[in-house]
Amino acid sequence: MVEPVNVSWSKTKKNVEEIIAKYVYYSLSVDNSSTSNIKENFLLDELDFDNLDNTYVKIEPVERKKRIDFINYFRFSFNKLTTEERKIIYWTYLDKENNYDDRYIANNLGFSLGYYYIKKKETLIRFAYCLGVEELSE
């Protein structure tokens, strides 16, 4: 694995995980579709502010627009990753229905568990760069 120079792994991982958690909560608040219905290519569709029709959500339009913009920023960044990387992020953080463990994900991708951990770290660093939240070491 080629790790970018001067990246603080712990801070970068924390930043990515915070973004993912925020994405999950924002998706719950404005998106009517389920993340478990992801397509076979593991790409996430952009949300359209004008086509959201959820009368039960009592979020002001300005706040809803802000959340949709954040969701689209996340999805745009997620879609930049390779299919393999998207699977790692999706199965590890986004699929709340199945609660996959690392052994399942590694086996499904055809990796040994050790190699999977290397790929997962590399994926999170690449995703941090896609999101623009990588943290450099001092």
Protein backbone atom coordinates (compact mmCIF):
# COMPACT_ATOMS: atom_id res chain seq x y z
CA MET A 1 0.00 0.00 0.00
CA VAL A 2 1.29 3.43 -0.88
CA GLU A 3 0.24 5.78 1.91
CA PRO A 4 0.18 9.49 1.15
CA VAL A 5 3.00 11.35 2.85
CA ASN A 6 2.29 12.94 6.24
CA VAL A 7 -1.29 11.70 6.65
CA SER A 8 -2.40 11.27 10.24
CA TRP A 9 -4.23 7.94 10.08
CA SER A 10 -6.18 8.29 13.34
CA LYS A 11 -7.36 11.86 12.65
CA THR A 12 -8.20 11.10 9.01
CA LYS A 13 -10.16 7.97 9.95
CA LYS A 14 -12.06 9.94 12.61
CA ASN A 15 -12.93 12.66 10.08
CA VAL A 16 -14.23 10.13 7.55
CA GLU A 17 -16.27 8.26 10.16
CA GLU A 18 -17.83 11.53 11.37
CA ILE A 19 -18.80 12.42 7.78
CA ILE A 20 -20.29 8.95 7.28
CA ALA A 21 -22.30 9.21 10.52
CA LYS A 22 -23.59 12.65 9.51
CA TYR A 23 -24.53 11.26 6.08
CA VAL A 24 -26.48 8.38 7.64
CA TYR A 25 -28.44 10.73 9.92
CA TYR A 26 -29.13 13.28 7.19
CA SER A 27 -30.26 10.49 4.85
CA LEU A 28 -32.67 9.25 7.50
CA SER A 29 -34.12 12.74 7.82
CA VAL A 30 -34.73 13.62 4.16
CA ASP A 31 -34.27 10.58 1.89
CA ASN A 32 -37.23 8.22 1.47
CA SER A 33 -35.21 5.43 -0.11
CA SER A 34 -33.39 2.76 1.87
CA THR A 35 -29.62 2.38 1.70
CA SER A 36 -30.17 -1.38 1.57
CA ASN A 37 -31.59 -0.94 -1.95
CA ILE A 38 -28.26 0.04 -3.48
CA LYS A 39 -27.66 -0.98 -7.09
CA GLU A 40 -25.34 -3.81 -8.12
CA ASN A 41 -22.63 -1.32 -9.14
CA PHE A 42 -22.76 0.24 -5.64
CA LEU A 43 -23.28 3.75 -7.00
CA LEU A 44 -25.45 6.20 -5.06
CA ASP A 45 -27.86 8.49 -6.93
CA GLU A 46 -27.95 12.23 -6.38
CA LEU A 47 -30.95 13.60 -4.48
CA ASP A 48 -33.12 16.21 -6.17
CA PHE A 49 -34.44 18.86 -3.78
CA ASP A 50 -37.53 19.55 -5.86
CA ASN A 51 -38.70 15.93 -6.06
CA LEU A 52 -38.63 15.12 -2.36
CA ASP A 53 -42.15 14.69 -1.09
CA ASN A 54 -42.22 13.80 2.58
CA THR A 55 -44.94 15.72 4.38
CA TYR A 56 -44.09 14.13 7.74
CA VAL A 57 -40.64 15.71 7.93
CA LYS A 58 -40.85 19.05 9.70
CA ILE A 59 -37.51 20.45 8.57
CA GLU A 60 -37.38 23.99 7.24
CA PRO A 61 -36.70 24.16 3.48
CA VAL A 62 -33.35 25.91 4.02
CA GLU A 63 -32.19 23.17 6.41
CA ARG A 64 -33.51 20.45 4.10
CA LYS A 65 -31.58 22.00 1.18
CA LYS A 66 -28.43 22.08 3.33
CA ARG A 67 -28.85 18.40 4.20
CA ILE A 68 -29.52 17.41 0.59
CA ASP A 69 -26.42 19.33 -0.52
CA PHE A 70 -24.38 17.45 2.09
CA ILE A 71 -25.85 14.09 0.98
CA ASN A 72 -25.01 14.89 -2.64
CA TYR A 73 -21.46 15.94 -1.67
CA PHE A 74 -21.06 12.58 0.12
CA ARG A 75 -22.53 10.60 -2.77
CA PHE A 76 -20.41 12.41 -5.37
CA SER A 77 -17.27 11.62 -3.33
CA PHE A 78 -18.38 8.01 -2.72
CA ASN A 79 -19.00 7.46 -6.44
CA LYS A 80 -15.38 8.48 -7.23
CA LEU A 81 -14.13 5.33 -5.48
CA THR A 82 -13.65 2.02 -7.25
CA THR A 83 -16.42 -0.57 -7.02
CA GLU A 84 -14.31 -2.57 -4.58
CA GLU A 85 -13.76 0.49 -2.38
CA ARG A 86 -17.45 1.39 -2.50
CA LYS A 87 -18.29 -2.13 -1.32
CA ILE A 88 -15.90 -1.78 1.61
CA ILE A 89 -17.43 1.55 2.70
CA TYR A 90 -20.98 0.38 2.08
CA TRP A 91 -20.73 -2.96 3.89
CA THR A 92 -18.70 -1.51 6.76
CA TYR A 93 -20.59 1.72 7.44
CA LEU A 94 -23.77 2.15 5.40
CA ASP A 95 -25.63 -1.17 5.34
CA LYS A 96 -27.35 -1.09 8.72
CA GLU A 97 -29.69 -3.98 7.81
CA ASN A 98 -27.11 -6.77 7.67
CA ASN A 99 -24.36 -5.68 10.08
CA TYR A 100 -21.53 -7.41 8.21
CA ASP A 101 -18.33 -8.22 10.05
CA ASP A 102 -14.81 -7.85 8.64
CA ARG A 103 -14.46 -11.59 7.94
CA TYR A 104 -17.61 -11.61 5.81
CA ILE A 105 -16.50 -8.56 3.82
CA ALA A 106 -12.98 -9.94 3.29
CA ASN A 107 -14.37 -13.31 2.18
CA ASN A 108 -16.91 -11.70 -0.15
CA LEU A 109 -14.13 -9.66 -1.79
CA GLY A 110 -11.84 -12.70 -2.00
CA PHE A 111 -9.26 -11.22 0.40
CA SER A 112 -7.45 -12.65 3.38
CA LEU A 113 -8.39 -10.82 6.56
CA GLY A 114 -4.93 -9.23 6.79
CA TYR A 115 -5.06 -7.96 3.20
CA TYR A 116 -8.61 -6.69 3.79
CA TYR A 117 -7.42 -4.51 6.70
CA ILE A 118 -4.75 -3.00 4.45
CA LYS A 119 -7.33 -2.33 1.71
CA LYS A 120 -9.80 -0.88 4.23
CA LYS A 121 -7.21 1.58 5.52
CA GLU A 122 -6.24 2.54 1.98
CA THR A 123 -9.91 2.96 1.08
CA LEU A 124 -10.60 5.25 4.03
CA ILE A 125 -7.58 7.40 3.13
CA ARG A 126 -8.70 7.61 -0.51
CA PHE A 127 -12.25 8.43 0.61
CA ALA A 128 -10.86 11.15 2.89
CA TYR A 129 -9.15 12.70 -0.12
CA CYS A 130 -12.38 12.46 -2.15
CA LEU A 131 -14.23 14.19 0.68
CA GLY A 132 -11.43 16.71 1.26
CA VAL A 133 -11.08 15.81 4.96
CA GLU A 134 -7.63 14.21 5.09
CA GLU A 135 -5.65 15.32 8.11
CA LEU A 136 -1.91 15.85 7.78
CA SER A 137 0.59 14.97 10.47
CA GLU A 138 2.68 17.71 11.95
